[in-house]
Amino acid sequence: MSILSDILLASSLCADCLAVSLCSGVTLRSSRWHDVLGVAFIFAVIQAGLLLVGWAFGYLFVGLVERVSHIVAFLLLLYVGGSMLFEGFRNASEQRDLSNWRNVIVGGVATSIDALSVGVAQSLDGVAWADFLPLLVAVFGITALSVVVGLRGGSAVGSRLGRWAEIVGGLVLIGIGISILC
């Protein structure tokens, strides 16, 4: 693969990370840089990690990944989106921040199931480590960047639109989850 194709593949893999971080960013009342960078790092580690796991063990997991990946992604997005809906309707004066790392990890895994599948496909295509490494680095970097942009942009929208932005964000995440099943 060329560097350009690695960047394009990495960008397509992190599109859902951008969507989730935009939707989640609307819940932030204050987005401190160290929190945003921490979330971006976790998303990038999970995304690149699952890509690597898929590549390394592709021949073992191929049947399992193909059968359940869409269901797992749907359930995780339903959980995150449902939580956002619940919080949006529950109390407009409450603030949520990034102290709930469990939601960060669930969101990271939900958006990285496709990276696991791509890793499996790369393995089955016989892609060598030297050819796989640039993709891995691109996925890590572009995922981190997309999450930073999403959280900061979502925070700007959330500060203007409040709980309605959170409700719409939750609905978008549930919609993405449903579209995975179809």
Protein backbone atom coordinates (compact mmCIF):
# COMPACT_ATOMS: atom_id res chain seq x y z
CA MET A 1 0.00 0.00 0.00
CA SER A 2 1.13 3.54 -0.64
CA ILE A 3 1.29 6.29 1.96
CA LEU A 4 -1.71 7.95 0.33
CA SER A 5 -3.81 4.79 0.52
CA ASP A 6 -2.75 4.31 4.16
CA ILE A 7 -3.91 7.86 4.96
CA LEU A 8 -7.20 7.36 3.12
CA LEU A 9 -7.86 4.05 4.87
CA ALA A 10 -6.94 5.54 8.25
CA SER A 11 -9.25 8.50 7.59
CA SER A 12 -12.15 6.22 6.73
CA LEU A 13 -11.54 4.11 9.83
CA CYS A 14 -11.64 7.14 12.12
CA ALA A 15 -14.74 8.77 10.59
CA ASP A 16 -16.89 7.17 13.28
CA CYS A 17 -14.41 8.38 15.93
CA LEU A 18 -14.97 11.90 14.65
CA ALA A 19 -18.76 11.42 14.74
CA VAL A 20 -18.72 10.00 18.27
CA SER A 21 -16.37 12.68 19.55
CA LEU A 22 -18.48 15.45 17.98
CA CYS A 23 -21.60 14.02 19.57
CA SER A 24 -19.85 13.48 22.89
CA GLY A 25 -18.21 16.89 22.76
CA VAL A 26 -21.60 18.59 23.00
CA THR A 27 -21.82 17.36 26.61
CA LEU A 28 -18.66 19.21 27.59
CA ARG A 29 -19.11 22.53 29.31
CA SER A 30 -15.37 23.05 29.60
CA SER A 31 -12.93 21.14 27.43
CA ARG A 32 -9.52 21.30 29.07
CA TRP A 33 -6.69 20.35 26.74
CA HIS A 34 -5.28 17.60 28.94
CA ASP A 35 -8.71 15.91 29.09
CA VAL A 36 -9.21 16.21 25.33
CA LEU A 37 -5.72 14.89 24.61
CA GLY A 38 -6.25 12.03 27.08
CA VAL A 39 -9.47 10.97 25.35
CA ALA A 40 -7.82 11.30 21.94
CA PHE A 41 -4.90 9.16 23.10
CA ILE A 42 -7.20 6.44 24.44
CA PHE A 43 -9.26 6.36 21.23
CA ALA A 44 -6.07 6.22 19.13
CA VAL A 45 -4.55 3.43 21.25
CA ILE A 46 -7.74 1.37 21.07
CA GLN A 47 -8.16 1.94 17.32
CA ALA A 48 -4.53 1.17 16.47
CA GLY A 49 -4.46 -1.67 19.02
CA LEU A 50 -7.46 -3.42 17.52
CA LEU A 51 -6.02 -2.94 14.04
CA LEU A 52 -2.81 -4.58 15.23
CA VAL A 53 -4.65 -7.41 16.99
CA GLY A 54 -6.67 -8.07 13.84
CA TRP A 55 -3.52 -8.15 11.73
CA ALA A 56 -1.61 -10.37 14.14
CA PHE A 57 -4.35 -12.93 14.70
CA GLY A 58 -6.40 -12.59 11.53
CA TYR A 59 -6.38 -16.22 10.57
CA LEU A 60 -7.74 -17.23 14.01
CA PHE A 61 -10.50 -14.67 14.35
CA VAL A 62 -11.76 -14.17 10.82
CA GLY A 63 -14.98 -16.17 11.23
CA LEU A 64 -15.81 -14.72 14.63
CA VAL A 65 -15.12 -11.12 13.64
CA GLU A 66 -17.27 -11.36 10.53
CA ARG A 67 -20.18 -12.88 12.47
CA VAL A 68 -20.37 -10.60 15.52
CA SER A 69 -18.59 -7.31 14.79
CA HIS A 70 -21.71 -5.48 13.62
CA ILE A 71 -23.71 -6.64 16.65
CA VAL A 72 -21.00 -5.60 19.11
CA ALA A 73 -20.61 -2.19 17.46
CA PHE A 74 -24.39 -1.67 17.48
CA LEU A 75 -24.72 -2.55 21.17
CA LEU A 76 -21.84 -0.29 22.21
CA LEU A 77 -23.16 2.66 20.18
CA LEU A 78 -26.66 2.04 21.55
CA TYR A 79 -25.24 2.18 25.08
CA VAL A 80 -23.30 5.42 24.51
CA GLY A 81 -26.13 7.06 22.53
CA GLY A 82 -28.75 5.93 25.03
CA SER A 83 -26.68 7.34 27.88
CA MET A 84 -26.50 10.67 26.08
CA LEU A 85 -30.26 10.69 25.50
CA PHE A 86 -30.93 9.84 29.13
CA GLU A 87 -28.63 12.61 30.34
CA GLY A 88 -30.13 15.09 27.88
CA PHE A 89 -33.65 14.50 29.13
CA ARG A 90 -32.77 13.99 32.79
CA ASN A 91 -31.61 17.37 34.00
CA ALA A 92 -30.59 20.39 31.94
CA SER A 93 -28.53 21.91 34.74
CA GLU A 94 -26.28 18.90 35.29
CA GLN A 95 -22.86 18.92 33.71
CA ARG A 96 -20.98 15.94 32.41
CA ASP A 97 -17.29 15.91 31.81
CA LEU A 98 -14.60 13.43 30.92
CA SER A 99 -14.29 11.95 34.39
CA ASN A 100 -16.21 8.86 33.25
CA TRP A 101 -13.39 6.93 31.58
CA ARG A 102 -15.62 3.90 31.21
CA ASN A 103 -17.66 5.76 28.58
CA VAL A 104 -14.46 6.84 26.86
CA ILE A 105 -13.27 3.24 26.62
CA VAL A 106 -16.69 1.96 25.49
CA GLY A 107 -16.80 4.66 22.81
CA GLY A 108 -13.26 3.83 21.74
CA VAL A 109 -14.06 0.15 21.37
CA ALA A 110 -17.38 0.84 19.62
CA THR A 111 -15.64 2.90 16.98
CA SER A 112 -12.74 0.48 16.55
CA ILE A 113 -14.47 -2.79 15.71
CA ASP A 114 -14.02 -1.97 12.02
CA ALA A 115 -10.27 -1.51 12.61
CA LEU A 116 -10.14 -5.08 13.92
CA SER A 117 -11.80 -6.28 10.73
CA VAL A 118 -9.41 -4.28 8.56
CA GLY A 119 -6.48 -5.76 10.48
CA VAL A 120 -7.83 -9.24 9.80
CA ALA A 121 -8.19 -8.41 6.10
CA GLN A 122 -4.64 -7.07 5.98
CA SER A 123 -3.38 -10.27 7.58
CA LEU A 124 -5.30 -12.47 5.18
CA ASP A 125 -3.92 -10.45 2.26
CA GLY A 126 -0.43 -11.34 3.47
CA VAL A 127 0.59 -7.75 4.24
CA ALA A 128 4.04 -7.82 5.81
CA TRP A 129 4.93 -5.87 8.97
CA ALA A 130 6.99 -3.32 7.02
CA ASP A 131 3.98 -2.56 4.83
CA PHE A 132 1.53 -2.65 7.74
CA LEU A 133 3.44 -0.28 10.05
CA PRO A 134 2.73 2.93 8.05
CA LEU A 135 -1.00 2.13 8.18
CA LEU A 136 -0.80 1.54 11.92
CA VAL A 137 0.95 4.88 12.47
CA ALA A 138 -1.53 6.68 10.19
CA VAL A 139 -4.50 5.17 12.03
CA PHE A 140 -3.09 6.23 15.40
CA GLY A 141 -2.31 9.79 14.31
CA ILE A 142 -5.45 10.49 12.31
CA THR A 143 -7.69 8.98 14.98
CA ALA A 144 -6.13 11.16 17.68
CA LEU A 145 -6.48 14.26 15.49
CA SER A 146 -10.11 13.49 14.59
CA VAL A 147 -11.05 13.03 18.25
CA VAL A 148 -9.41 16.32 19.25
CA VAL A 149 -11.21 18.15 16.43
CA GLY A 150 -14.50 16.40 17.27
CA LEU A 151 -14.37 17.09 20.99
CA ARG A 152 -13.39 20.73 20.58
CA GLY A 153 -15.97 21.31 17.83
CA GLY A 154 -18.67 19.45 19.71
CA SER A 155 -17.90 21.42 22.86
CA ALA A 156 -18.37 24.69 20.97
CA VAL A 157 -21.74 23.49 19.68
CA GLY A 158 -22.75 22.11 23.07
CA SER A 159 -22.01 25.37 24.86
CA ARG A 160 -24.41 27.15 22.49
CA LEU A 161 -27.18 24.56 22.19
CA GLY A 162 -26.96 22.82 25.58
CA ARG A 163 -28.95 19.69 26.27
CA TRP A 164 -30.64 19.71 22.83
CA ALA A 165 -27.28 19.13 21.20
CA GLU A 166 -26.75 16.21 23.59
CA ILE A 167 -30.13 14.72 22.68
CA VAL A 168 -29.42 15.06 18.94
CA GLY A 169 -25.94 13.59 19.47
CA GLY A 170 -27.42 10.58 21.26
CA LEU A 171 -29.91 10.06 18.43
CA VAL A 172 -27.10 10.27 15.85
CA LEU A 173 -25.07 7.62 17.66
CA ILE A 174 -28.07 5.31 17.92
CA GLY A 175 -28.72 5.92 14.21
CA ILE A 176 -25.14 4.98 13.35
CA GLY A 177 -25.55 1.81 15.42
CA ILE A 178 -28.78 0.91 13.62
CA SER A 179 -27.18 1.54 10.23
CA ILE A 180 -24.45 -0.95 11.14
CA LEU A 181 -27.09 -3.67 11.54
CA CYS A 182 -28.79 -2.93 8.19
